[in-house]
PDB file of N, CA and C in Angstrom:
ATOM      1  N   SER A   1      28.358-105.741 108.159  1.00  0.00           N
ATOM      2  CA  SER A   1      27.938-106.551 107.030  1.00  0.00           C
ATOM      3  C   SER A   1      26.418-106.663 107.013  1.00  0.00           C
ATOM      4  N   LEU A   2      25.894-106.983 105.862  1.00  0.00           N
ATOM      5  CA  LEU A   2      24.453-107.190 105.747  1.00  0.00           C
ATOM      6  C   LEU A   2      24.002-108.340 106.633  1.00  0.00           C
ATOM      7  N   LYS A   3      24.780-109.395 106.642  1.00  0.00           N
ATOM      8  CA  LYS A   3      24.432-110.559 107.458  1.00  0.00           C
ATOM      9  C   LYS A   3      24.386-110.181 108.933  1.00  0.00           C
ATOM     10  N   GLY A   4      25.353-109.444 109.402  1.00  0.00           N
ATOM     11  CA  GLY A   4      25.398-109.020 110.797  1.00  0.00           C
ATOM     12  C   GLY A   4      24.272-108.071 111.144  1.00  0.00           C
ATOM     13  N   ALA A   5      23.971-107.158 110.237  1.00  0.00           N
ATOM     14  CA  ALA A   5      22.882-106.207 110.484  1.00  0.00           C
ATOM     15  C   ALA A   5      21.550-106.938 110.567  1.00  0.00           C
ATOM     16  N   ALA A   6      21.331-107.883 109.671  1.00  0.00           N
ATOM     17  CA  ALA A   6      20.087-108.656 109.711  1.00  0.00           C
ATOM     18  C   ALA A   6      19.990-109.461 111.001  1.00  0.00           C
ATOM     19  N   ARG A   7      21.123-109.995 111.443  1.00  0.00           N
ATOM     20  CA  ARG A   7      21.138-110.762 112.691  1.00  0.00           C
ATOM     21  C   ARG A   7      20.795-109.862 113.885  1.00  0.00           C
ATOM     22  N   ILE A   8      21.342-108.663 113.909  1.00  0.00           N
ATOM     23  CA  ILE A   8      21.104-107.738 115.022  1.00  0.00           C
ATOM     24  C   ILE A   8      19.622-107.409 115.166  1.00  0.00           C
ATOM     25  N   VAL A   9      18.947-107.198 114.044  1.00  0.00           N
ATOM     26  CA  VAL A   9      17.535-106.832 114.113  1.00  0.00           C
ATOM     27  C   VAL A   9      16.598-108.034 114.026  1.00  0.00           C
ATOM     28  N   GLY A  10      17.157-109.234 114.012  1.00  0.00           N
ATOM     29  CA  GLY A  10      16.349-110.445 114.077  1.00  0.00           C
ATOM     30  C   GLY A  10      15.627-110.822 112.803  1.00  0.00           C
ATOM     31  N   ILE A  11      16.225-110.523 111.661  1.00  0.00           N
ATOM     32  CA  ILE A  11      15.616-110.894 110.378  1.00  0.00           C
ATOM     33  C   ILE A  11      16.368-112.113 109.843  1.00  0.00           C
ATOM     34  N   ASP A  12      15.972-113.290 110.338  1.00  0.00           N
ATOM     35  CA  ASP A  12      16.673-114.525 109.992  1.00  0.00           C
ATOM     36  C   ASP A  12      16.717-114.807 108.494  1.00  0.00           C
ATOM     37  N   PRO A  13      15.635-114.585 107.733  1.00  0.00           N
ATOM     38  CA  PRO A  13      15.757-114.819 106.291  1.00  0.00           C
ATOM     39  C   PRO A  13      16.837-113.943 105.643  1.00  0.00           C
ATOM     40  N   GLY A  14      17.014-112.736 106.131  1.00  0.00           N
ATOM     41  CA  GLY A  14      18.076-111.872 105.628  1.00  0.00           C
ATOM     42  C   GLY A  14      19.449-112.421 105.963  1.00  0.00           C
ATOM     43  N   VAL A  15      19.598-112.961 107.158  1.00  0.00           N
ATOM     44  CA  VAL A  15      20.863-113.584 107.560  1.00  0.00           C
ATOM     45  C   VAL A  15      21.168-114.763 106.638  1.00  0.00           C
ATOM     46  N   ARG A  16      20.178-115.618 106.450  1.00  0.00           N
ATOM     47  CA  ARG A  16      20.383-116.815 105.623  1.00  0.00           C
ATOM     48  C   ARG A  16      20.652-116.465 104.165  1.00  0.00           C
ATOM     49  N   LEU A  17      19.958-115.457 103.669  1.00  0.00           N
ATOM     50  CA  LEU A  17      20.149-115.027 102.286  1.00  0.00           C
ATOM     51  C   LEU A  17      21.546-114.445 102.089  1.00  0.00           C
ATOM     52  N   ALA A  18      21.972-113.576 102.987  1.00  0.00           N
ATOM     53  CA  ALA A  18      23.313-112.988 102.886  1.00  0.00           C
ATOM     54  C   ALA A  18      24.393-114.060 103.019  1.00  0.00           C
ATOM     55  N   HIS A  19      24.169-115.023 103.895  1.00  0.00           N
ATOM     56  CA  HIS A  19      25.149-116.104 104.081  1.00  0.00           C
ATOM     57  C   HIS A  19      25.265-116.949 102.811  1.00  0.00           C
ATOM     58  N   ALA A  20      24.132-117.263 102.198  1.00  0.00           N
ATOM     59  CA  ALA A  20      24.149-118.053 100.968  1.00  0.00           C
ATOM     60  C   ALA A  20      24.857-117.300  99.843  1.00  0.00           C
ATOM     61  N   MET A  21      24.631-115.986  99.768  1.00  0.00           N
ATOM     62  CA  MET A  21      25.326-115.171  98.769  1.00  0.00           C
ATOM     63  C   MET A  21      26.834-115.202  99.023  1.00  0.00           C
ATOM     64  N   GLU A  22      27.198-115.032 100.271  1.00  0.00           N
ATOM     65  CA  GLU A  22      28.606-115.026 100.658  1.00  0.00           C
ATOM     66  C   GLU A  22      29.281-116.339 100.251  1.00  0.00           C
ATOM     67  N   ASP A  23      28.613-117.461 100.491  1.00  0.00           N
ATOM     68  CA  ASP A  23      29.175-118.763 100.122  1.00  0.00           C
ATOM     69  C   ASP A  23      29.349-118.894  98.610  1.00  0.00           C
ATOM     70  N   ALA A  24      28.374-118.391  97.850  1.00  0.00           N
ATOM     71  CA  ALA A  24      28.481-118.449  96.391  1.00  0.00           C
ATOM     72  C   ALA A  24      29.667-117.618  95.899  1.00  0.00           C
ATOM     73  N   PHE A  25      29.806-116.413  96.430  1.00  0.00           N
ATOM     74  CA  PHE A  25      30.938-115.575  96.037  1.00  0.00           C
ATOM     75  C   PHE A  25      32.268-116.199  96.460  1.00  0.00           C
ATOM     76  N   GLU A  26      32.277-116.835  97.607  1.00  0.00           N
ATOM     77  CA  GLU A  26      33.513-117.480  98.078  1.00  0.00           C
ATOM     78  C   GLU A  26      33.891-118.649  97.170  1.00  0.00           C
ATOM     79  N   SER A  27      32.917-119.410  96.717  1.00  0.00           N
ATOM     80  CA  SER A  27      33.200-120.502  95.775  1.00  0.00           C
ATOM     81  C   SER A  27      33.790-119.963  94.484  1.00  0.00           C
ATOM     82  N   ALA A  28      33.254-118.855  94.006  1.00  0.00           N
ATOM     83  CA  ALA A  28      33.795-118.246  92.786  1.00  0.00           C
ATOM     84  C   ALA A  28      35.202-117.719  93.027  1.00  0.00           C
ATOM     85  N   ARG A  29      35.396-117.086  94.169  1.00  0.00           N
ATOM     86  CA  ARG A  29      36.720-116.528  94.483  1.00  0.00           C
ATOM     87  C   ARG A  29      37.781-117.620  94.550  1.00  0.00           C
ATOM     88  N   LYS A  30      37.409-118.770  95.085  1.00  0.00           N
ATOM     89  CA  LYS A  30      38.365-119.875  95.223  1.00  0.00           C
ATOM     90  C   LYS A  30      38.505-120.703  93.952  1.00  0.00           C
ATOM     91  N   GLY A  31      37.766-120.344  92.908  1.00  0.00           N
ATOM     92  CA  GLY A  31      37.894-121.046  91.639  1.00  0.00           C
ATOM     93  C   GLY A  31      37.098-122.334  91.552  1.00  0.00           C
ATOM     94  N   ARG A  32      36.235-122.601  92.518  1.00  0.00           N
ATOM     95  CA  ARG A  32      35.413-123.816  92.477  1.00  0.00           C
ATOM     96  C   ARG A  32      34.182-123.621  91.600  1.00  0.00           C
ATOM     97  N   LEU A  33      33.947-122.390  91.202  1.00  0.00           N
ATOM     98  CA  LEU A  33      32.742-122.057  90.469  1.00  0.00           C
ATOM     99  C   LEU A  33      33.049-120.932  89.491  1.00  0.00           C
ATOM    100  N   ALA A  34      32.605-121.099  88.266  1.00  0.00           N
ATOM    101  CA  ALA A  34      32.662-120.021  87.280  1.00  0.00           C
ATOM    102  C   ALA A  34      31.255-119.441  87.187  1.00  0.00           C
ATOM    103  N   LEU A  35      31.089-118.214  87.651  1.00  0.00           N
ATOM    104  CA  LEU A  35      29.777-117.594  87.636  1.00  0.00           C
ATOM    105  C   LEU A  35      29.297-117.388  86.204  1.00  0.00           C
ATOM    106  N   ASP A  36      28.060-117.805  85.945  1.00  0.00           N
ATOM    107  CA  ASP A  36      27.470-117.573  84.631  1.00  0.00           C
ATOM    108  C   ASP A  36      26.262-116.647  84.786  1.00  0.00           C
ATOM    109  N   ALA A  37      25.569-116.407  83.696  1.00  0.00           N
ATOM    110  CA  ALA A  37      24.450-115.468  83.708  1.00  0.00           C
ATOM    111  C   ALA A  37      23.343-115.893  84.676  1.00  0.00           C
ATOM    112  N   VAL A  38      23.083-117.182  84.790  1.00  0.00           N
ATOM    113  CA  VAL A  38      22.053-117.671  85.713  1.00  0.00           C
ATOM    114  C   VAL A  38      22.469-117.405  87.153  1.00  0.00           C
ATOM    115  N   HIS A  39      23.731-117.674  87.475  1.00  0.00           N
ATOM    116  CA  HIS A  39      24.232-117.412  88.829  1.00  0.00           C
ATOM    117  C   HIS A  39      24.109-115.926  89.170  1.00  0.00           C
ATOM    118  N   ILE A  40      24.536-115.092  88.239  1.00  0.00           N
ATOM    119  CA  ILE A  40      24.488-113.643  88.466  1.00  0.00           C
ATOM    120  C   ILE A  40      23.046-113.184  88.659  1.00  0.00           C
ATOM    121  N   ASP A  41      22.123-113.733  87.873  1.00  0.00           N
ATOM    122  CA  ASP A  41      20.718-113.384  88.012  1.00  0.00           C
ATOM    123  C   ASP A  41      20.206-113.721  89.409  1.00  0.00           C
ATOM    124  N   ARG A  42      20.551-114.879  89.922  1.00  0.00           N
ATOM    125  CA  ARG A  42      20.090-115.290  91.246  1.00  0.00           C
ATOM    126  C   ARG A  42      20.734-114.420  92.335  1.00  0.00           C
ATOM    127  N   LEU A  43      22.010-114.085  92.167  1.00  0.00           N
ATOM    128  CA  LEU A  43      22.685-113.211  93.131  1.00  0.00           C
ATOM    129  C   LEU A  43      22.069-111.814  93.126  1.00  0.00           C
ATOM    130  N   LEU A  44      21.737-111.312  91.953  1.00  0.00           N
ATOM    131  CA  LEU A  44      21.085-110.005  91.872  1.00  0.00           C
ATOM    132  C   LEU A  44      19.694-110.046  92.504  1.00  0.00           C
ATOM    133  N   ALA A  45      18.974-111.137  92.308  1.00  0.00           N
ATOM    134  CA  ALA A  45      17.655-111.282  92.942  1.00  0.00           C
ATOM    135  C   ALA A  45      17.792-111.262  94.461  1.00  0.00           C
ATOM    136  N   ALA A  46      18.818-111.927  94.965  1.00  0.00           N
ATOM    137  CA  ALA A  46      19.068-111.915  96.410  1.00  0.00           C
ATOM    138  C   ALA A  46      19.389-110.506  96.882  1.00  0.00           C
ATOM    139  N   GLY A  47      20.189-109.800  96.119  1.00  0.00           N
ATOM    140  CA  GLY A  47      20.503-108.415  96.460  1.00  0.00           C
ATOM    141  C   GLY A  47      19.259-107.541  96.482  1.00  0.00           C
ATOM    142  N   ASP A  48      18.346-107.786  95.539  1.00  0.00           N
ATOM    143  CA  ASP A  48      17.087-107.036  95.517  1.00  0.00           C
ATOM    144  C   ASP A  48      16.275-107.301  96.785  1.00  0.00           C
ATOM    145  N   TYR A  49      16.207-108.564  97.198  1.00  0.00           N
ATOM    146  CA  TYR A  49      15.488-108.883  98.435  1.00  0.00           C
ATOM    147  C   TYR A  49      16.126-108.184  99.631  1.00  0.00           C
ATOM    148  N   LEU A  50      17.437-108.252  99.722  1.00  0.00           N
ATOM    149  CA  LEU A  50      18.115-107.610 100.852  1.00  0.00           C
ATOM    150  C   LEU A  50      17.900-106.098 100.839  1.00  0.00           C
ATOM    151  N   ALA A  51      17.950-105.501  99.667  1.00  0.00           N
ATOM    152  CA  ALA A  51      17.711-104.056  99.564  1.00  0.00           C
ATOM    153  C   ALA A  51      16.295-103.724 100.021  1.00  0.00           C
ATOM    154  N   HIS A  52      15.344-104.539  99.616  1.00  0.00           N
ATOM    155  CA  HIS A  52      13.962-104.295 100.025  1.00  0.00           C
ATOM    156  C   HIS A  52      13.811-104.453 101.538  1.00  0.00           C
ATOM    157  N   MET A  53      14.474-105.442 102.106  1.00  0.00           N
ATOM    158  CA  MET A  53      14.421-105.638 103.559  1.00  0.00           C
ATOM    159  C   MET A  53      14.934-104.401 104.293  1.00  0.00           C
ATOM    160  N   GLY A  54      15.901-103.749 103.714  1.00  0.00           N
ATOM    161  CA  GLY A  54      16.461-102.550 104.331  1.00  0.00           C
ATOM    162  C   GLY A  54      15.549-101.343 104.247  1.00  0.00           C
ATOM    163  N   LYS A  55      14.593-101.368 103.331  1.00  0.00           N
ATOM    164  CA  LYS A  55      13.712-100.221 103.117  1.00  0.00           C
ATOM    165  C   LYS A  55      12.338-100.382 103.758  1.00  0.00           C
ATOM    166  N   ILE A  56      11.941-101.613 104.006  1.00  0.00           N
ATOM    167  CA  ILE A  56      10.583-101.853 104.500  1.00  0.00           C
ATOM    168  C   ILE A  56      10.471-101.440 105.965  1.00  0.00           C
ATOM    169  N   ASP A  57       9.341-100.875 106.300  1.00  0.00           N
ATOM    170  CA  ASP A  57       9.079-100.477 107.676  1.00  0.00           C
ATOM    171  C   ASP A  57       9.064-101.729 108.560  1.00  0.00           C
ATOM    172  N   ILE A  58       9.729-101.641 109.686  1.00  0.00           N
ATOM    173  CA  ILE A  58       9.875-102.799 110.563  1.00  0.00           C
ATOM    174  C   ILE A  58       8.517-103.336 111.013  1.00  0.00           C
ATOM    175  N   THR A  59       7.508-102.469 111.115  1.00  0.00           N
ATOM    176  CA  THR A  59       6.183-102.933 111.528  1.00  0.00           C
ATOM    177  C   THR A  59       5.514-103.774 110.449  1.00  0.00           C
ATOM    178  N   ALA A  60       5.929-103.615 109.212  1.00  0.00           N
ATOM    179  CA  ALA A  60       5.376-104.396 108.107  1.00  0.00           C
ATOM    180  C   ALA A  60       6.245-105.597 107.756  1.00  0.00           C
ATOM    181  N   MET A  61       7.411-105.709 108.399  1.00  0.00           N
ATOM    182  CA  MET A  61       8.379-106.743 108.041  1.00  0.00           C
ATOM    183  C   MET A  61       7.830-108.153 108.200  1.00  0.00           C
ATOM    184  N   ALA A  62       7.200-108.464 109.305  1.00  0.00           N
ATOM    185  CA  ALA A  62       6.723-109.830 109.545  1.00  0.00           C
ATOM    186  C   ALA A  62       5.734-110.268 108.477  1.00  0.00           C
ATOM    187  N   ALA A  63       4.798-109.400 108.142  1.00  0.00           N
ATOM    188  CA  ALA A  63       3.807-109.739 107.120  1.00  0.00           C
ATOM    189  C   ALA A  63       4.475-109.926 105.761  1.00  0.00           C
ATOM    190  N   TRP A  64       5.414-109.035 105.438  1.00  0.00           N
ATOM    191  CA  TRP A  64       6.113-109.151 104.153  1.00  0.00           C
ATOM    192  C   TRP A  64       6.926-110.442 104.104  1.00  0.00           C
ATOM    193  N   LEU A  65       7.630-110.764 105.183  1.00  0.00           N
ATOM    194  CA  LEU A  65       8.411-111.999 105.218  1.00  0.00           C
ATOM    195  C   LEU A  65       7.520-113.229 105.093  1.00  0.00           C
ATOM    196  N   ASP A  66       6.348-113.203 105.726  1.00  0.00           N
ATOM    197  CA  ASP A  66       5.410-114.318 105.584  1.00  0.00           C
ATOM    198  C   ASP A  66       4.974-114.472 104.130  1.00  0.00           C
ATOM    199  N   ALA A  67       4.671-113.361 103.486  1.00  0.00           N
ATOM    200  CA  ALA A  67       4.214-113.397 102.099  1.00  0.00           C
ATOM    201  C   ALA A  67       5.311-113.872 101.149  1.00  0.00           C
ATOM    202  N   GLU A  68       6.558-113.544 101.460  1.00  0.00           N
ATOM    203  CA  GLU A  68       7.686-113.862 100.580  1.00  0.00           C
ATOM    204  C   GLU A  68       8.468-115.105 101.027  1.00  0.00           C
ATOM    205  N   ALA A  69       8.028-115.760 102.090  1.00  0.00           N
ATOM    206  CA  ALA A  69       8.798-116.861 102.686  1.00  0.00           C
ATOM    207  C   ALA A  69       9.157-117.952 101.685  1.00  0.00           C
ATOM    208  N   ALA A  70       8.208-118.405 100.900  1.00  0.00           N
ATOM    209  CA  ALA A  70       8.481-119.492  99.949  1.00  0.00           C
ATOM    210  C   ALA A  70       9.479-119.059  98.884  1.00  0.00           C
ATOM    211  N   ALA A  71       9.317-117.851  98.360  1.00  0.00           N
ATOM    212  CA  ALA A  71      10.234-117.361  97.329  1.00  0.00           C
ATOM    213  C   ALA A  71      11.634-117.166  97.887  1.00  0.00           C
ATOM    214  N   ILE A  72      11.728-116.638  99.096  1.00  0.00           N
ATOM    215  CA  ILE A  72      13.042-116.435  99.715  1.00  0.00           C
ATOM    216  C   ILE A  72      13.696-117.779 100.012  1.00  0.00           C
ATOM    217  N   ALA A  73      12.928-118.739 100.520  1.00  0.00           N
ATOM    218  CA  ALA A  73      13.482-120.067 100.811  1.00  0.00           C
ATOM    219  C   ALA A  73      13.990-120.740  99.536  1.00  0.00           C
ATOM    220  N   ALA A  74      13.242-120.600  98.458  1.00  0.00           N
ATOM    221  CA  ALA A  74      13.671-121.183  97.180  1.00  0.00           C
ATOM    222  C   ALA A  74      14.954-120.525  96.687  1.00  0.00           C
ATOM    223  N   LEU A  75      15.038-119.214  96.819  1.00  0.00           N
ATOM    224  CA  LEU A  75      16.235-118.493  96.393  1.00  0.00           C
ATOM    225  C   LEU A  75      17.436-118.897  97.241  1.00  0.00           C
ATOM    226  N   ILE A  76      17.240-119.040  98.532  1.00  0.00           N
ATOM    227  CA  ILE A  76      18.326-119.481  99.421  1.00  0.00           C
ATOM    228  C   ILE A  76      18.808-120.860  98.990  1.00  0.00           C
ATOM    229  N   ALA A  77      17.873-121.763  98.694  1.00  0.00           N
ATOM    230  CA  ALA A  77      18.245-123.118  98.259  1.00  0.00           C
ATOM    231  C   ALA A  77      19.056-123.064  96.952  1.00  0.00           C
ATOM    232  N   GLU A  78      18.640-122.209  96.022  1.00  0.00           N
ATOM    233  CA  GLU A  78      19.382-122.060  94.759  1.00  0.00           C
ATOM    234  C   GLU A  78      20.792-121.537  95.022  1.00  0.00           C
ATOM    235  N   LEU A  79      20.900-120.525  95.872  1.00  0.00           N
ATOM    236  CA  LEU A  79      22.216-119.956  96.179  1.00  0.00           C
ATOM    237  C   LEU A  79      23.104-120.954  96.909  1.00  0.00           C
ATOM    238  N   GLU A  80      22.520-121.749  97.778  1.00  0.00           N
ATOM    239  CA  GLU A  80      23.308-122.780  98.473  1.00  0.00           C
ATOM    240  C   GLU A  80      23.857-123.795  97.471  1.00  0.00           C
ATOM    241  N   ALA A  81      23.039-124.163  96.495  1.00  0.00           N
ATOM    242  CA  ALA A  81      23.502-125.080  95.449  1.00  0.00           C
ATOM    243  C   ALA A  81      24.625-124.422  94.635  1.00  0.00           C
ATOM    244  N   ILE A  82      24.465-123.169  94.308  1.00  0.00           N
ATOM    245  CA  ILE A  82      25.513-122.446  93.579  1.00  0.00           C
ATOM    246  C   ILE A  82      26.783-122.419  94.410  1.00  0.00           C
ATOM    247  N   GLY A  83      26.654-122.141  95.691  1.00  0.00           N
ATOM    248  CA  GLY A  83      27.813-122.059  96.576  1.00  0.00           C
ATOM    249  C   GLY A  83      28.576-123.362  96.695  1.00  0.00           C
ATOM    250  N   ARG A  84      27.869-124.465  96.539  1.00  0.00           N
ATOM    251  CA  ARG A  84      28.539-125.773  96.582  1.00  0.00           C
ATOM    252  C   ARG A  84      29.297-126.059  95.288  1.00  0.00           C
ATOM    253  N   GLY A  85      29.050-125.209  94.282  1.00  0.00           N
ATOM    254  CA  GLY A  85      29.758-125.374  93.002  1.00  0.00           C
ATOM    255  C   GLY A  85      29.112-126.433  92.200  1.00  0.00           C
TER     256      GLY A  85
END
């Protein structure tokens, strides 16, 4: 899984982002949440971040994560709210 892969290589924001996505999808699967266009947009943004994390050179990862920390944290918070329904 993406969450497991991020955990193995020590990319905690990737772990947290994948976990928040997973919770949002689980809420939708269980019927606690009807995904709308805003939810889908945020999930796609999370997917874009995860895809970028997979492509970035590991030597540049720390600097990139520092630069994107606030945006990633905000996205995680949004996804956590979505996951709570």
